[in-house]
């Protein structure tokens, strides 16, 4: 974890505080934006927000969930929810395209505006470190595309939802509402 000590001198008064810059463990990762060169420190970008991380695929029976995920993001982003997409080709080779193709598909087909990141592995044994962490916290690696991991404002994993849990499900919506 990163600790930032801030020393302020106000009219001769010296005050030392630990700033809220401490990174929640689920966000203490750096990933590259989809089809781009920019590397994002998740903590810097999303600390203090409720985060829904989803492994995605463009040629899956659950691909229609992009629409619901975008609707969730649009509905709750002003209240502090962010949806983060992580394309993966781990299940049924259902994300075979390049990152540029994935980005174009998501934008043109589902008008995806929520942040998407580099194509990664999420399966046990070869998972990207962020998915290793999510699995360590929940005891569950994704078993298919569109697994959802919910992270609170402190950066702690609080729940996960399988592919069959749609973004519109009351169970998921209630869990998000409690954290907002």
Protein backbone atom coordinates (compact mmCIF):
# COMPACT_ATOMS: atom_id res chain seq x y z
CA UNK A 1 0.00 0.00 0.00
CA UNK A 2 1.04 3.49 -0.64
CA UNK A 3 1.16 5.88 2.27
CA UNK A 4 1.40 9.58 1.79
CA UNK A 5 2.35 11.79 4.67
CA UNK A 6 1.33 15.35 4.27
CA UNK A 7 2.90 17.99 6.44
CA UNK A 8 1.10 21.28 6.55
CA UNK A 9 2.35 24.44 8.09
CA UNK A 10 -0.55 26.73 8.93
CA UNK A 11 0.34 29.84 10.88
CA UNK A 12 3.12 28.08 12.78
CA UNK A 13 0.97 25.00 13.41
CA UNK A 14 2.53 21.78 12.17
CA UNK A 15 0.04 19.03 11.38
CA UNK A 16 0.86 15.57 10.04
CA UNK A 17 -1.89 13.46 8.49
CA UNK A 18 -2.06 10.31 6.46
CA UNK A 19 -3.86 11.36 3.32
CA UNK A 20 -6.63 9.27 1.88
CA UNK A 21 -4.23 8.35 -0.89
CA UNK A 22 -3.87 4.85 0.57
CA UNK A 23 -4.76 2.49 -2.20
CA UNK A 24 -7.43 -0.13 -1.63
CA UNK A 25 -5.90 -3.52 -2.38
CA UNK A 26 -8.28 -4.43 -5.22
CA UNK A 27 -7.24 -1.27 -7.06
CA UNK A 28 -3.49 -1.49 -6.47
CA UNK A 29 -2.80 -2.49 -10.09
CA UNK A 30 -1.69 -0.82 -13.30
CA UNK A 31 -3.23 -1.78 -16.63
CA UNK A 32 -3.12 -0.41 -20.13
CA UNK A 33 -6.24 1.08 -21.70
CA UNK A 34 -7.79 -1.03 -24.44
CA UNK A 35 -6.13 -0.41 -27.81
CA UNK A 36 -3.99 2.34 -26.35
CA UNK A 37 -0.60 3.12 -24.90
CA UNK A 38 -1.78 4.80 -21.70
CA UNK A 39 -1.18 2.83 -18.52
CA UNK A 40 -3.68 3.54 -15.76
CA UNK A 41 -3.03 3.17 -12.06
CA UNK A 42 -6.46 1.94 -11.02
CA UNK A 43 -6.07 3.41 -7.57
CA UNK A 44 -5.33 6.88 -8.91
CA UNK A 45 -8.24 6.71 -11.34
CA UNK A 46 -10.95 4.95 -9.32
CA UNK A 47 -10.13 5.21 -5.61
CA UNK A 48 -13.19 6.14 -3.58
CA UNK A 49 -15.62 4.77 -6.16
CA UNK A 50 -17.69 1.61 -6.19
CA UNK A 51 -16.16 -0.57 -8.90
CA UNK A 52 -17.67 -3.43 -10.89
CA UNK A 53 -14.94 -5.42 -12.69
CA UNK A 54 -16.11 -7.66 -15.52
CA UNK A 55 -14.25 -10.08 -17.81
CA UNK A 56 -15.80 -9.61 -21.23
CA UNK A 57 -15.96 -11.28 -24.64
CA UNK A 58 -17.44 -10.14 -27.94
CA UNK A 59 -18.62 -13.49 -29.32
CA UNK A 60 -20.32 -15.01 -26.28
CA UNK A 61 -23.92 -15.84 -25.46
CA UNK A 62 -23.61 -13.27 -22.67
CA UNK A 63 -22.19 -10.51 -24.90
CA UNK A 64 -25.55 -8.73 -24.77
CA UNK A 65 -24.67 -7.89 -21.16
CA UNK A 66 -22.55 -5.05 -22.55
CA UNK A 67 -25.82 -3.16 -23.00
CA UNK A 68 -26.84 -3.69 -19.38
CA UNK A 69 -23.35 -2.87 -18.08
CA UNK A 70 -23.35 0.38 -20.03
CA UNK A 71 -26.83 1.21 -18.68
CA UNK A 72 -25.61 0.52 -15.11
CA UNK A 73 -22.60 2.74 -15.64
CA UNK A 74 -24.71 5.52 -17.13
CA UNK A 75 -27.33 5.30 -14.38
CA UNK A 76 -24.95 5.25 -11.40
CA UNK A 77 -21.73 6.96 -12.51
CA UNK A 78 -22.78 10.29 -10.97
CA UNK A 79 -23.26 8.47 -7.65
CA UNK A 80 -19.81 6.91 -7.77
CA UNK A 81 -20.06 3.62 -9.70
CA UNK A 82 -17.59 2.73 -12.39
CA UNK A 83 -17.69 -0.40 -14.54
CA UNK A 84 -14.32 -1.70 -15.72
CA UNK A 85 -14.17 -4.17 -18.61
CA UNK A 86 -11.37 -6.67 -19.14
CA UNK A 87 -11.60 -8.54 -22.47
CA UNK A 88 -10.40 -12.12 -22.31
CA UNK A 89 -10.15 -14.95 -24.83
CA UNK A 90 -9.93 -17.62 -22.13
CA UNK A 91 -13.36 -19.21 -22.59
CA UNK A 92 -14.31 -20.79 -25.90
CA UNK A 93 -12.00 -18.43 -27.80
CA UNK A 94 -14.85 -15.92 -27.75
CA UNK A 95 -12.62 -12.83 -27.84
CA UNK A 96 -10.28 -13.66 -30.73
CA UNK A 97 -9.90 -10.17 -32.18
CA UNK A 98 -7.26 -7.54 -31.70
CA UNK A 99 -7.75 -4.87 -29.09
CA UNK A 100 -8.64 -2.41 -31.86
CA UNK A 101 -11.34 -4.78 -33.13
CA UNK A 102 -12.69 -5.29 -29.60
CA UNK A 103 -12.82 -1.56 -28.99
CA UNK A 104 -14.59 -0.90 -32.29
CA UNK A 105 -17.11 -3.70 -31.64
CA UNK A 106 -17.91 -2.43 -28.14
CA UNK A 107 -18.33 1.17 -29.25
CA UNK A 108 -20.27 0.54 -32.45
CA UNK A 109 -22.46 -2.35 -31.31
CA UNK A 110 -23.17 -1.42 -27.68
CA UNK A 111 -22.02 2.23 -27.38
CA UNK A 112 -19.72 1.20 -24.53
CA UNK A 113 -18.34 4.26 -22.77
CA UNK A 114 -17.26 2.62 -19.51
CA UNK A 115 -13.49 2.09 -19.22
CA UNK A 116 -12.10 -0.96 -20.99
CA UNK A 117 -8.62 -2.30 -20.45
CA UNK A 118 -6.09 -4.50 -22.19
CA UNK A 119 -6.98 -8.03 -23.22
CA UNK A 120 -5.88 -10.30 -20.36
CA UNK A 121 -6.11 -13.84 -19.03
CA UNK A 122 -8.53 -14.48 -16.17
CA UNK A 123 -8.47 -18.29 -15.86
CA UNK A 124 -6.81 -19.98 -12.93
CA UNK A 125 -3.21 -20.89 -13.70
CA UNK A 126 -2.56 -18.06 -16.13
CA UNK A 127 -4.63 -15.19 -14.74
CA UNK A 128 -3.42 -11.62 -14.76
CA UNK A 129 -2.44 -10.52 -11.22
CA UNK A 130 -5.64 -8.48 -10.83
CA UNK A 131 -7.73 -11.61 -11.41
CA UNK A 132 -5.47 -13.64 -9.14
CA UNK A 133 -6.24 -11.09 -6.44
CA UNK A 134 -10.00 -11.13 -7.11
CA UNK A 135 -10.00 -14.93 -6.93
CA UNK A 136 -7.96 -14.94 -3.74
CA UNK A 137 -10.50 -12.64 -2.11
CA UNK A 138 -13.61 -14.49 -3.26
CA UNK A 139 -12.34 -18.04 -3.70
CA UNK A 140 -13.64 -17.95 -7.27
CA UNK A 141 -11.94 -17.47 -10.61
CA UNK A 142 -14.28 -16.68 -13.51
CA UNK A 143 -15.76 -19.88 -14.90
CA UNK A 144 -16.91 -18.09 -18.06
CA UNK A 145 -17.18 -14.64 -19.60
CA UNK A 146 -18.99 -11.81 -17.83
CA UNK A 147 -18.16 -12.71 -14.23
CA UNK A 148 -18.60 -9.59 -12.13
CA UNK A 149 -16.61 -8.58 -9.03
CA UNK A 150 -17.94 -5.78 -6.84
CA UNK A 151 -15.49 -3.56 -4.96
CA UNK A 152 -16.43 -1.04 -2.30
CA UNK A 153 -15.21 2.55 -1.94
CA UNK A 154 -12.31 1.39 0.25
CA UNK A 155 -11.03 -0.91 -2.51
CA UNK A 156 -12.15 -4.17 -0.91
CA UNK A 157 -13.81 -6.97 -2.87
CA UNK A 158 -17.24 -7.46 -1.33
CA UNK A 159 -19.02 -9.85 -3.71
CA UNK A 160 -18.96 -11.59 -7.06
CA UNK A 161 -21.65 -12.57 -9.54
CA UNK A 162 -21.54 -15.30 -12.17
CA UNK A 163 -22.20 -14.89 -15.87
CA UNK A 164 -25.87 -15.76 -15.45
CA UNK A 165 -26.40 -12.76 -13.17
CA UNK A 166 -27.44 -10.03 -15.56
CA UNK A 167 -26.54 -6.39 -14.96
CA UNK A 168 -30.26 -5.75 -14.47
CA UNK A 169 -30.69 -8.39 -11.75
CA UNK A 170 -32.16 -7.20 -8.45
CA UNK A 171 -29.41 -9.05 -6.59
CA UNK A 172 -26.67 -7.07 -8.33
CA UNK A 173 -28.56 -3.77 -8.23
CA UNK A 174 -29.24 -4.14 -4.49
CA UNK A 175 -25.56 -4.90 -3.80
CA UNK A 176 -24.50 -1.80 -5.77
CA UNK A 177 -27.11 0.42 -4.11
CA UNK A 178 -25.88 -0.59 -0.64
CA UNK A 179 -22.38 0.58 -1.50
CA UNK A 180 -23.40 3.86 -3.10
